[in-house]
């Protein structure tokens, strides 16, 4: 199973982007979980999603009211709608998924760059 992020790019402050996380391959049990981001010199942080099976949907305080995550009905694509982007949102954005039994492992995408200019 592989996760492929797309939709990143360069925008001006106030602009919008929609990221997609698509699943390639099959697994007995797959759960698309969350979006994370990592800015240069900073630790990777949770942006939006769940961090455990059955857990509550969470958003980083800095993106509340601006970002929305959703999934398609087939649980094969996860989206991150980002509005009113700000320079502080500049980062590489990653999605992850949890493969349940018998794999029991986390899978990460390769990341997509989002750059917001003032």
Protein backbone atom coordinates (compact mmCIF):
# COMPACT_ATOMS: atom_id res chain seq x y z
CA UNK A 1 0.00 0.00 0.00
CA UNK A 2 1.25 3.47 -0.87
CA UNK A 3 -0.18 6.91 -0.16
CA UNK A 4 0.27 9.62 -2.78
CA UNK A 5 -0.30 13.27 -1.90
CA UNK A 6 -1.06 15.84 -4.56
CA UNK A 7 -2.40 19.35 -4.89
CA UNK A 8 0.43 21.28 -3.31
CA UNK A 9 1.85 24.42 -4.86
CA UNK A 10 2.61 28.08 -4.39
CA UNK A 11 -0.06 30.62 -3.55
CA UNK A 12 -0.29 34.12 -2.15
CA UNK A 13 -1.59 34.80 1.31
CA UNK A 14 -5.36 34.52 1.38
CA UNK A 15 -5.41 31.90 -1.34
CA UNK A 16 -6.71 28.33 -1.25
CA UNK A 17 -5.48 24.86 -2.10
CA UNK A 18 -6.97 21.39 -1.89
CA UNK A 19 -4.66 18.51 -1.12
CA UNK A 20 -5.51 14.92 -1.96
CA UNK A 21 -4.15 11.73 -0.46
CA UNK A 22 -4.83 8.74 -2.69
CA UNK A 23 -4.39 5.09 -1.79
CA UNK A 24 -2.49 2.85 -4.18
CA UNK A 25 -2.70 -0.89 -3.60
CA UNK A 26 -4.89 -2.93 -1.33
CA UNK A 27 -4.86 -4.04 2.26
CA UNK A 28 -7.10 -6.24 4.36
CA UNK A 29 -7.81 -3.28 6.63
CA UNK A 30 -6.91 0.32 5.84
CA UNK A 31 -7.84 3.51 7.67
CA UNK A 32 -6.93 6.90 6.28
CA UNK A 33 -6.12 8.88 9.39
CA UNK A 34 -4.68 12.39 9.28
CA UNK A 35 -2.75 15.19 7.70
CA UNK A 36 0.52 16.41 9.16
CA UNK A 37 2.96 19.10 8.12
CA UNK A 38 6.60 19.88 8.68
CA UNK A 39 8.11 23.29 8.16
CA UNK A 40 11.88 23.77 7.82
CA UNK A 41 13.59 23.47 11.19
CA UNK A 42 10.39 22.41 12.95
CA UNK A 43 8.91 19.14 14.11
CA UNK A 44 6.15 17.43 12.20
CA UNK A 45 2.78 18.48 13.60
CA UNK A 46 -0.77 17.24 13.29
CA UNK A 47 -2.89 19.47 11.07
CA UNK A 48 -6.20 17.62 10.86
CA UNK A 49 -7.53 14.10 11.34
CA UNK A 50 -7.55 11.33 13.87
CA UNK A 51 -4.58 9.76 15.59
CA UNK A 52 -6.16 6.50 16.67
CA UNK A 53 -8.82 4.13 15.37
CA UNK A 54 -12.15 5.47 16.54
CA UNK A 55 -10.56 8.65 17.82
CA UNK A 56 -12.07 12.10 17.54
CA UNK A 57 -11.40 14.35 14.60
CA UNK A 58 -8.88 16.99 15.63
CA UNK A 59 -7.59 20.19 14.08
CA UNK A 60 -4.53 22.19 14.99
CA UNK A 61 -5.60 25.41 16.66
CA UNK A 62 -3.77 27.42 14.03
CA UNK A 63 -5.90 26.01 11.19
CA UNK A 64 -9.32 25.87 12.83
CA UNK A 65 -11.94 27.58 10.72
CA UNK A 66 -9.65 27.61 7.68
CA UNK A 67 -8.87 23.94 6.94
CA UNK A 68 -11.28 21.04 6.50
CA UNK A 69 -10.47 17.38 6.04
CA UNK A 70 -12.78 14.84 4.44
CA UNK A 71 -12.73 11.40 2.81
CA UNK A 72 -14.46 9.85 -0.15
CA UNK A 73 -17.08 7.20 0.50
CA UNK A 74 -14.78 4.40 -0.53
CA UNK A 75 -12.07 5.41 1.96
CA UNK A 76 -9.56 5.57 -0.88
CA UNK A 77 -8.98 9.34 -0.96
CA UNK A 78 -8.61 11.87 1.83
CA UNK A 79 -8.74 15.60 1.23
CA UNK A 80 -7.49 18.71 2.97
CA UNK A 81 -9.27 21.87 1.90
CA UNK A 82 -7.15 24.86 2.90
CA UNK A 83 -8.55 28.38 2.77
CA UNK A 84 -7.14 31.77 3.71
CA UNK A 85 -3.63 30.37 3.59
CA UNK A 86 -0.95 32.29 5.45
CA UNK A 87 2.86 32.27 5.18
CA UNK A 88 3.03 30.25 8.42
CA UNK A 89 1.22 27.45 6.59
CA UNK A 90 4.26 26.93 4.39
CA UNK A 91 5.43 23.35 4.91
CA UNK A 92 5.58 19.88 3.44
CA UNK A 93 2.23 18.23 4.03
CA UNK A 94 1.95 14.49 4.65
CA UNK A 95 -0.95 12.11 5.02
CA UNK A 96 -0.92 8.83 6.89
CA UNK A 97 -2.97 5.68 7.24
CA UNK A 98 -3.11 2.76 9.63
CA UNK A 99 -3.18 -0.77 8.28
CA UNK A 100 -4.96 -3.06 10.69
CA UNK A 101 -4.64 -6.80 11.07
CA UNK A 102 -2.62 -8.59 9.81
CA UNK A 103 -0.25 -5.74 8.84
CA UNK A 104 -0.63 -3.54 11.94
CA UNK A 105 1.52 -0.70 10.68
CA UNK A 106 1.41 2.97 9.80
CA UNK A 107 1.97 4.17 6.26
CA UNK A 108 3.01 7.68 5.22
CA UNK A 109 2.93 9.48 1.91
CA UNK A 110 5.95 11.17 0.40
CA UNK A 111 4.65 14.67 1.09
CA UNK A 112 3.60 17.62 -1.01
CA UNK A 113 5.06 21.12 -0.70
CA UNK A 114 2.81 24.08 0.09
CA UNK A 115 4.37 27.52 -0.15
CA UNK A 116 2.47 30.66 0.81
CA UNK A 117 3.95 34.06 0.02
CA UNK A 118 3.01 37.29 1.75
